[in-house]
């Protein structure tokens, strides 16, 4: 009978030792999680401060009409510069400016090739001869 008590006592001691080990390991993981939480809170707070500063600067320095990039003179200048660089010197006469009153340029963005497509064809699709042009998805500006 004493042997049975000794076996159960030994098993109980092993169980208590195992539980102590697991509790110490769990406490170390808890402390690590607290350190990670503190670091993440610092990062999140600094990010929120940066976002708020940028938002304040944006609202201070921009007007409502400046938010539309396609009406910006800088954008128009950049597009004209790219066209002249690609095609070379262009000579425009008065006849070049005679365009039907309702004719406008459509702007397509090919997100796959990262290209801007300027066209007088307002119904471009994948059957047209534009390399890499896919049918415009919902997120394509045109």
N, C-alpha and C. Protein backbone atom coordinates (compact mmCIF):
# COMPACT_ATOMS: atom_id res chain seq x y z
N UNK A 1 0.80 -1.18 0.00
CA UNK A 1 0.00 0.00 0.00
C UNK A 1 0.86 1.27 0.00
N UNK A 2 1.98 1.19 0.73
CA UNK A 2 2.88 2.34 0.79
C UNK A 2 3.50 2.56 -0.59
N UNK A 3 3.78 1.52 -1.31
CA UNK A 3 4.34 1.63 -2.66
C UNK A 3 3.38 2.38 -3.59
N UNK A 4 2.07 2.11 -3.44
CA UNK A 4 1.07 2.79 -4.26
C UNK A 4 1.04 4.28 -3.95
N UNK A 5 1.16 4.62 -2.64
CA UNK A 5 1.20 6.03 -2.24
C UNK A 5 2.45 6.71 -2.78
N UNK A 6 3.55 6.03 -2.78
CA UNK A 6 4.80 6.59 -3.29
C UNK A 6 4.70 6.85 -4.81
N UNK A 7 4.09 5.94 -5.52
CA UNK A 7 3.93 6.12 -6.98
C UNK A 7 3.03 7.33 -7.26
N UNK A 8 1.89 7.42 -6.56
CA UNK A 8 0.99 8.56 -6.75
C UNK A 8 1.64 9.87 -6.33
N UNK A 9 2.43 9.85 -5.27
CA UNK A 9 3.14 11.05 -4.82
C UNK A 9 4.16 11.48 -5.87
N UNK A 10 4.86 10.50 -6.44
CA UNK A 10 5.84 10.81 -7.49
C UNK A 10 5.13 11.41 -8.71
N UNK A 11 4.01 10.82 -9.14
CA UNK A 11 3.25 11.34 -10.28
C UNK A 11 2.72 12.74 -10.00
N UNK A 12 2.26 12.98 -8.76
CA UNK A 12 1.76 14.31 -8.39
C UNK A 12 2.89 15.33 -8.43
N UNK A 13 4.09 14.94 -7.96
CA UNK A 13 5.24 15.85 -7.97
C UNK A 13 5.64 16.17 -9.41
N UNK A 14 5.63 15.17 -10.29
CA UNK A 14 5.96 15.40 -11.70
C UNK A 14 4.92 16.33 -12.34
N UNK A 15 3.65 16.13 -12.02
CA UNK A 15 2.59 16.98 -12.56
C UNK A 15 2.75 18.41 -12.07
N UNK A 16 3.07 18.61 -10.80
CA UNK A 16 3.27 19.96 -10.26
C UNK A 16 4.49 20.60 -10.92
N UNK A 17 5.57 19.84 -11.11
CA UNK A 17 6.76 20.38 -11.76
C UNK A 17 6.45 20.77 -13.21
N UNK A 18 5.69 19.94 -13.91
CA UNK A 18 5.30 20.24 -15.29
C UNK A 18 4.42 21.50 -15.36
N UNK A 19 3.49 21.63 -14.43
CA UNK A 19 2.63 22.82 -14.39
C UNK A 19 3.44 24.07 -14.07
N UNK A 20 4.42 23.96 -13.19
CA UNK A 20 5.30 25.10 -12.89
C UNK A 20 6.08 25.52 -14.13
N UNK A 21 6.61 24.55 -14.88
CA UNK A 21 7.34 24.85 -16.11
C UNK A 21 6.44 25.56 -17.11
N UNK A 22 5.23 25.02 -17.31
CA UNK A 22 4.30 25.61 -18.27
C UNK A 22 3.87 27.01 -17.84
N UNK A 23 3.68 27.23 -16.54
CA UNK A 23 3.27 28.56 -16.07
C UNK A 23 4.40 29.57 -16.26
N UNK A 24 5.66 29.15 -16.02
CA UNK A 24 6.80 30.05 -16.23
C UNK A 24 6.94 30.39 -17.71
N UNK A 25 6.78 29.41 -18.58
CA UNK A 25 6.86 29.65 -20.02
C UNK A 25 5.72 30.57 -20.48
N UNK A 26 4.53 30.35 -19.95
CA UNK A 26 3.39 31.19 -20.29
C UNK A 26 3.61 32.63 -19.82
N UNK A 27 4.21 32.81 -18.65
CA UNK A 27 4.49 34.15 -18.13
C UNK A 27 5.51 34.86 -19.01
N UNK A 28 6.51 34.14 -19.52
CA UNK A 28 7.51 34.75 -20.41
C UNK A 28 6.86 35.19 -21.73
N UNK A 29 5.96 34.37 -22.25
CA UNK A 29 5.24 34.74 -23.47
C UNK A 29 4.37 35.97 -23.21
N UNK A 30 3.74 36.03 -22.05
CA UNK A 30 2.92 37.18 -21.68
C UNK A 30 3.76 38.45 -21.64
N UNK A 31 4.95 38.39 -21.02
CA UNK A 31 5.83 39.55 -20.94
C UNK A 31 6.28 39.98 -22.35
N UNK A 32 6.59 39.02 -23.21
CA UNK A 32 6.98 39.33 -24.58
C UNK A 32 5.83 40.01 -25.31
N UNK A 33 4.61 39.51 -25.12
CA UNK A 33 3.44 40.12 -25.74
C UNK A 33 3.24 41.55 -25.26
N UNK A 34 3.49 41.81 -23.99
CA UNK A 34 3.38 43.17 -23.47
C UNK A 34 4.40 44.10 -24.13
N UNK A 35 5.62 43.61 -24.32
CA UNK A 35 6.65 44.42 -24.98
C UNK A 35 6.28 44.70 -26.43
N UNK A 36 5.77 43.68 -27.12
CA UNK A 36 5.35 43.86 -28.51
C UNK A 36 4.19 44.85 -28.58
N UNK A 37 3.26 44.75 -27.64
CA UNK A 37 2.14 45.68 -27.62
C UNK A 37 2.62 47.12 -27.43
N UNK A 38 3.57 47.32 -26.54
CA UNK A 38 4.09 48.67 -26.30
C UNK A 38 4.76 49.22 -27.56
N UNK A 39 5.55 48.40 -28.24
CA UNK A 39 6.21 48.85 -29.47
C UNK A 39 5.19 49.15 -30.56
N UNK A 40 4.19 48.30 -30.71
CA UNK A 40 3.16 48.53 -31.73
C UNK A 40 2.36 49.79 -31.42
N UNK A 41 2.09 50.04 -30.15
CA UNK A 41 1.38 51.27 -29.78
C UNK A 41 2.20 52.50 -30.14
N UNK A 42 3.52 52.44 -29.93
CA UNK A 42 4.39 53.55 -30.32
C UNK A 42 4.32 53.78 -31.83
N UNK A 43 4.41 52.70 -32.60
CA UNK A 43 4.38 52.81 -34.05
C UNK A 43 3.03 53.35 -34.52
N UNK A 44 1.95 52.83 -33.97
CA UNK A 44 0.62 53.29 -34.37
C UNK A 44 0.42 54.75 -34.02
N UNK A 45 0.84 55.15 -32.82
CA UNK A 45 0.68 56.55 -32.41
C UNK A 45 1.50 57.49 -33.29
N UNK A 46 2.73 57.10 -33.61
CA UNK A 46 3.54 57.96 -34.48
C UNK A 46 2.95 58.03 -35.89
N UNK A 47 2.40 56.93 -36.36
CA UNK A 47 1.75 56.93 -37.67
C UNK A 47 0.52 57.82 -37.67
N UNK A 48 -0.28 57.72 -36.63
CA UNK A 48 -1.47 58.58 -36.53
C UNK A 48 -1.08 60.06 -36.46
N UNK A 49 -0.02 60.37 -35.75
CA UNK A 49 0.45 61.76 -35.69
C UNK A 49 0.89 62.24 -37.07
N UNK A 50 1.63 61.40 -37.79
CA UNK A 50 2.07 61.76 -39.14
C UNK A 50 0.89 61.97 -40.07
N UNK A 51 -0.09 61.09 -39.98
CA UNK A 51 -1.29 61.22 -40.82
C UNK A 51 -2.02 62.51 -40.50
N UNK A 52 -2.15 62.81 -39.22
CA UNK A 52 -2.84 64.04 -38.83
C UNK A 52 -2.09 65.28 -39.31
N UNK A 53 -0.75 65.28 -39.20
CA UNK A 53 0.04 66.41 -39.69
C UNK A 53 -0.12 66.57 -41.20
N UNK A 54 -0.08 65.44 -41.93
CA UNK A 54 -0.25 65.50 -43.38
C UNK A 54 -1.65 65.97 -43.75
N UNK A 55 -2.64 65.51 -43.01
CA UNK A 55 -4.01 65.92 -43.28
C UNK A 55 -4.16 67.42 -43.02
N UNK A 56 -3.56 67.92 -41.94
CA UNK A 56 -3.62 69.35 -41.64
C UNK A 56 -2.92 70.16 -42.72
N UNK A 57 -1.75 69.68 -43.17
CA UNK A 57 -1.03 70.37 -44.24
C UNK A 57 -1.81 70.36 -45.54
N UNK A 58 -2.46 69.24 -45.83
CA UNK A 58 -3.24 69.13 -47.05
C UNK A 58 -4.40 70.10 -47.04
N UNK A 59 -5.11 70.18 -45.92
CA UNK A 59 -6.26 71.08 -45.86
C UNK A 59 -5.84 72.54 -45.82
N UNK A 60 -4.66 72.84 -45.26
CA UNK A 60 -4.17 74.22 -45.22
C UNK A 60 -3.69 74.69 -46.58
N UNK A 61 -2.99 73.82 -47.31
CA UNK A 61 -2.29 74.24 -48.52
C UNK A 61 -3.02 73.96 -49.82
N UNK A 62 -4.15 73.28 -49.78
CA UNK A 62 -4.84 72.97 -51.03
C UNK A 62 -6.24 73.54 -51.01
N UNK A 63 -6.68 73.85 -52.19
CA UNK A 63 -8.05 74.30 -52.37
C UNK A 63 -8.83 73.14 -52.96
N UNK A 64 -10.12 73.27 -52.97
CA UNK A 64 -10.97 72.19 -53.49
C UNK A 64 -10.66 71.88 -54.95
N UNK A 65 -10.41 72.93 -55.76
CA UNK A 65 -10.15 72.69 -57.18
C UNK A 65 -8.77 72.10 -57.43
N UNK A 66 -7.84 72.23 -56.48
CA UNK A 66 -6.51 71.67 -56.65
C UNK A 66 -6.49 70.16 -56.47
N UNK A 67 -7.53 69.59 -55.92
CA UNK A 67 -7.55 68.15 -55.66
C UNK A 67 -7.74 67.34 -56.93
N UNK A 68 -8.29 67.95 -57.99
CA UNK A 68 -8.46 67.24 -59.25
C UNK A 68 -7.18 67.40 -60.06
N UNK A 69 -6.39 66.34 -60.13
CA UNK A 69 -5.06 66.41 -60.74
C UNK A 69 -5.14 66.67 -62.25
N UNK A 70 -6.22 66.28 -62.91
CA UNK A 70 -6.30 66.44 -64.35
C UNK A 70 -6.65 67.87 -64.75
N UNK A 71 -7.03 68.71 -63.82
CA UNK A 71 -7.25 70.11 -64.14
C UNK A 71 -6.03 70.95 -63.79
N UNK A 72 -5.00 70.33 -63.30
CA UNK A 72 -3.80 71.03 -62.88
C UNK A 72 -2.95 71.44 -64.08
N UNK A 73 -2.47 72.69 -64.11
CA UNK A 73 -1.56 73.10 -65.19
C UNK A 73 -0.26 72.29 -65.17
N UNK A 74 0.17 71.86 -64.00
CA UNK A 74 1.38 71.04 -63.91
C UNK A 74 1.20 69.71 -64.63
N UNK A 75 0.02 69.10 -64.47
CA UNK A 75 -0.26 67.83 -65.14
C UNK A 75 -0.30 68.03 -66.65
N UNK A 76 -0.93 69.11 -67.10
CA UNK A 76 -0.99 69.38 -68.54
C UNK A 76 0.40 69.60 -69.10
N UNK A 77 1.22 70.35 -68.39
CA UNK A 77 2.60 70.59 -68.82
C UNK A 77 3.38 69.29 -68.89
N UNK A 78 3.22 68.42 -67.89
CA UNK A 78 3.94 67.14 -67.88
C UNK A 78 3.51 66.26 -69.05
N UNK A 79 2.21 66.21 -69.34
CA UNK A 79 1.72 65.37 -70.45
C UNK A 79 2.25 65.91 -71.78
N UNK A 80 2.21 67.23 -71.97
CA UNK A 80 2.71 67.80 -73.22
C UNK A 80 4.21 67.54 -73.36
N UNK A 81 4.96 67.66 -72.28
CA UNK A 81 6.40 67.39 -72.32
C UNK A 81 6.67 65.94 -72.71
N UNK A 82 5.92 65.01 -72.17
CA UNK A 82 6.10 63.59 -72.50
C UNK A 82 5.78 63.34 -73.97
N UNK A 83 4.70 63.95 -74.46
CA UNK A 83 4.32 63.74 -75.87
C UNK A 83 5.40 64.29 -76.80
N UNK A 84 5.89 65.49 -76.54
CA UNK A 84 6.93 66.08 -77.40
C UNK A 84 8.21 65.28 -77.30
N UNK A 85 8.55 64.80 -76.11
CA UNK A 85 9.75 63.98 -75.96
C UNK A 85 9.63 62.68 -76.74
N UNK A 86 8.44 62.10 -76.76
CA UNK A 86 8.24 60.83 -77.45
C UNK A 86 8.16 61.01 -78.97
N UNK A 87 7.45 62.04 -79.42
CA UNK A 87 7.21 62.20 -80.85
C UNK A 87 8.18 63.16 -81.52
N UNK A 88 8.89 63.95 -80.75
CA UNK A 88 9.79 64.94 -81.34
C UNK A 88 9.07 66.26 -81.53
N UNK A 89 9.66 67.13 -82.31
CA UNK A 89 9.10 68.46 -82.53
C UNK A 89 7.75 68.36 -83.24
N UNK A 90 6.78 69.07 -82.72
CA UNK A 90 5.44 69.09 -83.32
C UNK A 90 5.17 70.50 -83.83
N UNK A 91 4.58 70.59 -85.00
CA UNK A 91 4.19 71.88 -85.56
C UNK A 91 2.67 71.89 -85.63
N UNK A 92 2.08 72.82 -84.91
CA UNK A 92 0.63 72.93 -84.88
C UNK A 92 0.21 74.21 -85.59
N UNK A 93 -0.68 74.07 -86.55
CA UNK A 93 -1.19 75.24 -87.26
C UNK A 93 -2.60 75.56 -86.76
N UNK A 94 -3.17 76.60 -87.27
CA UNK A 94 -4.52 76.98 -86.86
C UNK A 94 -5.53 75.90 -87.25
N UNK A 95 -5.28 75.20 -88.39
CA UNK A 95 -6.20 74.15 -88.81
C UNK A 95 -6.20 72.97 -87.82
N UNK A 96 -5.08 72.78 -87.11
CA UNK A 96 -5.02 71.69 -86.13
C UNK A 96 -5.95 71.95 -84.95
N UNK A 97 -6.25 73.22 -84.71
CA UNK A 97 -7.11 73.57 -83.58
C UNK A 97 -8.58 73.60 -83.95
N UNK A 98 -8.89 73.39 -85.22
CA UNK A 98 -10.29 73.35 -85.64
C UNK A 98 -10.79 71.92 -85.42
N UNK A 99 -11.53 71.77 -84.35
CA UNK A 99 -12.03 70.45 -83.94
C UNK A 99 -13.52 70.60 -83.71
N UNK A 100 -14.26 69.56 -84.00
CA UNK A 100 -15.71 69.59 -83.76
C UNK A 100 -15.97 69.97 -82.31
N UNK A 101 -17.00 70.74 -82.06
CA UNK A 101 -17.28 71.30 -80.74
C UNK A 101 -17.43 70.27 -79.63
N UNK A 102 -17.94 69.09 -79.93
CA UNK A 102 -18.17 68.10 -78.87
C UNK A 102 -17.05 67.06 -78.78
N UNK A 103 -15.99 67.25 -79.52
CA UNK A 103 -14.90 66.27 -79.52
C UNK A 103 -13.97 66.52 -78.33
N UNK A 104 -13.75 65.49 -77.53
CA UNK A 104 -12.86 65.58 -76.38
C UNK A 104 -11.94 64.36 -76.36
N UNK A 105 -10.85 64.49 -75.64
CA UNK A 105 -9.90 63.39 -75.51
C UNK A 105 -10.32 62.53 -74.32
N UNK A 106 -10.38 61.24 -74.52
CA UNK A 106 -10.64 60.31 -73.43
C UNK A 106 -9.32 59.87 -72.84
N UNK A 107 -9.28 59.78 -71.52
CA UNK A 107 -8.07 59.36 -70.83
C UNK A 107 -8.33 57.99 -70.23
N UNK A 108 -7.53 57.02 -70.64
CA UNK A 108 -7.62 55.67 -70.10
C UNK A 108 -6.31 55.36 -69.37
N UNK A 109 -6.40 54.57 -68.33
CA UNK A 109 -5.21 54.14 -67.60
C UNK A 109 -5.16 52.63 -67.68
N UNK A 110 -4.10 52.13 -68.30
CA UNK A 110 -3.88 50.69 -68.36
C UNK A 110 -3.10 50.29 -67.12
N UNK A 111 -3.77 49.71 -66.15
CA UNK A 111 -3.12 49.37 -64.88
C UNK A 111 -2.14 48.22 -65.03
N UNK A 112 -2.28 47.44 -66.06
CA UNK A 112 -1.37 46.31 -66.25
C UNK A 112 0.01 46.77 -66.72
N UNK A 113 0.04 47.73 -67.67
CA UNK A 113 1.32 48.22 -68.19
C UNK A 113 1.70 49.57 -67.62
N UNK A 114 0.86 50.13 -66.75
CA UNK A 114 1.10 51.43 -66.13
C UNK A 114 1.25 52.53 -67.18
N UNK A 115 0.35 52.53 -68.17
CA UNK A 115 0.39 53.52 -69.24
C UNK A 115 -0.88 54.35 -69.21
N UNK A 116 -0.74 55.63 -69.60
CA UNK A 116 -1.89 56.50 -69.81
C UNK A 116 -2.17 56.50 -71.30
N UNK A 117 -3.42 56.30 -71.69
CA UNK A 117 -3.79 56.25 -73.09
C UNK A 117 -4.72 57.43 -73.36
N UNK A 118 -4.31 58.30 -74.29
CA UNK A 118 -5.11 59.43 -74.71
C UNK A 118 -5.68 59.09 -76.07
N UNK A 119 -6.99 59.21 -76.22
CA UNK A 119 -7.61 58.80 -77.48
C UNK A 119 -8.85 59.63 -77.75
N UNK A 120 -9.13 59.83 -79.05
CA UNK A 120 -10.39 60.44 -79.46
C UNK A 120 -11.47 59.38 -79.61
N UNK A 121 -11.07 58.11 -79.59
CA UNK A 121 -12.02 57.01 -79.63
C UNK A 121 -12.54 56.80 -78.22
N UNK A 122 -13.81 57.06 -77.99
CA UNK A 122 -14.38 56.99 -76.65
C UNK A 122 -14.84 55.58 -76.27
N UNK A 123 -14.70 54.64 -77.17
CA UNK A 123 -15.17 53.28 -76.91
C UNK A 123 -14.05 52.27 -77.11
N UNK A 124 -12.90 52.55 -76.58
CA UNK A 124 -11.79 51.60 -76.72
C UNK A 124 -12.12 50.30 -76.01
N UNK A 125 -11.72 49.20 -76.62
CA UNK A 125 -11.86 47.90 -75.98
C UNK A 125 -10.67 47.04 -76.32
N UNK A 126 -10.69 45.81 -75.84
CA UNK A 126 -9.53 44.93 -76.02
C UNK A 126 -9.31 44.53 -77.47
N UNK A 127 -10.28 44.74 -78.35
CA UNK A 127 -10.10 44.38 -79.75
C UNK A 127 -9.31 45.43 -80.52
N UNK A 128 -9.16 46.63 -79.93
CA UNK A 128 -8.39 47.67 -80.59
C UNK A 128 -6.91 47.32 -80.57
N UNK A 129 -6.17 47.96 -81.43
CA UNK A 129 -4.75 47.63 -81.59
C UNK A 129 -3.88 48.38 -80.59
N UNK A 130 -4.16 48.24 -79.34
CA UNK A 130 -3.34 48.83 -78.29
C UNK A 130 -2.70 47.69 -77.51
N UNK A 131 -1.40 47.63 -77.53
CA UNK A 131 -0.68 46.54 -76.89
C UNK A 131 -0.89 46.59 -75.39
N UNK A 132 -1.30 45.49 -74.82
CA UNK A 132 -1.46 45.40 -73.38
C UNK A 132 -2.71 46.03 -72.85
N UNK A 133 -3.58 46.56 -73.73
CA UNK A 133 -4.79 47.23 -73.24
C UNK A 133 -5.86 46.19 -73.01
N UNK A 134 -6.41 46.21 -71.83
CA UNK A 134 -7.49 45.30 -71.47
C UNK A 134 -8.76 46.12 -71.34
N UNK A 135 -9.90 45.45 -71.36
CA UNK A 135 -11.16 46.16 -71.13
C UNK A 135 -11.10 46.84 -69.77
N UNK A 136 -11.50 48.11 -69.68
CA UNK A 136 -11.32 48.84 -68.44
C UNK A 136 -12.12 48.24 -67.29
N UNK A 137 -11.44 47.88 -66.19
CA UNK A 137 -12.17 47.39 -65.03
C UNK A 137 -12.82 48.55 -64.30
N UNK A 138 -13.56 48.26 -63.25
CA UNK A 138 -14.29 49.31 -62.54
C UNK A 138 -13.36 50.35 -61.94
N UNK A 139 -12.12 50.00 -61.62
CA UNK A 139 -11.23 50.95 -60.96
C UNK A 139 -10.41 51.77 -61.95
N UNK A 140 -10.70 51.66 -63.27
CA UNK A 140 -9.96 52.42 -64.27
C UNK A 140 -10.63 53.75 -64.48
N UNK A 141 -9.85 54.82 -64.42
CA UNK A 141 -10.38 56.16 -64.67
C UNK A 141 -10.45 56.40 -66.16
N UNK A 142 -11.59 56.81 -66.64
CA UNK A 142 -11.72 57.23 -68.04
C UNK A 142 -12.88 58.16 -68.18
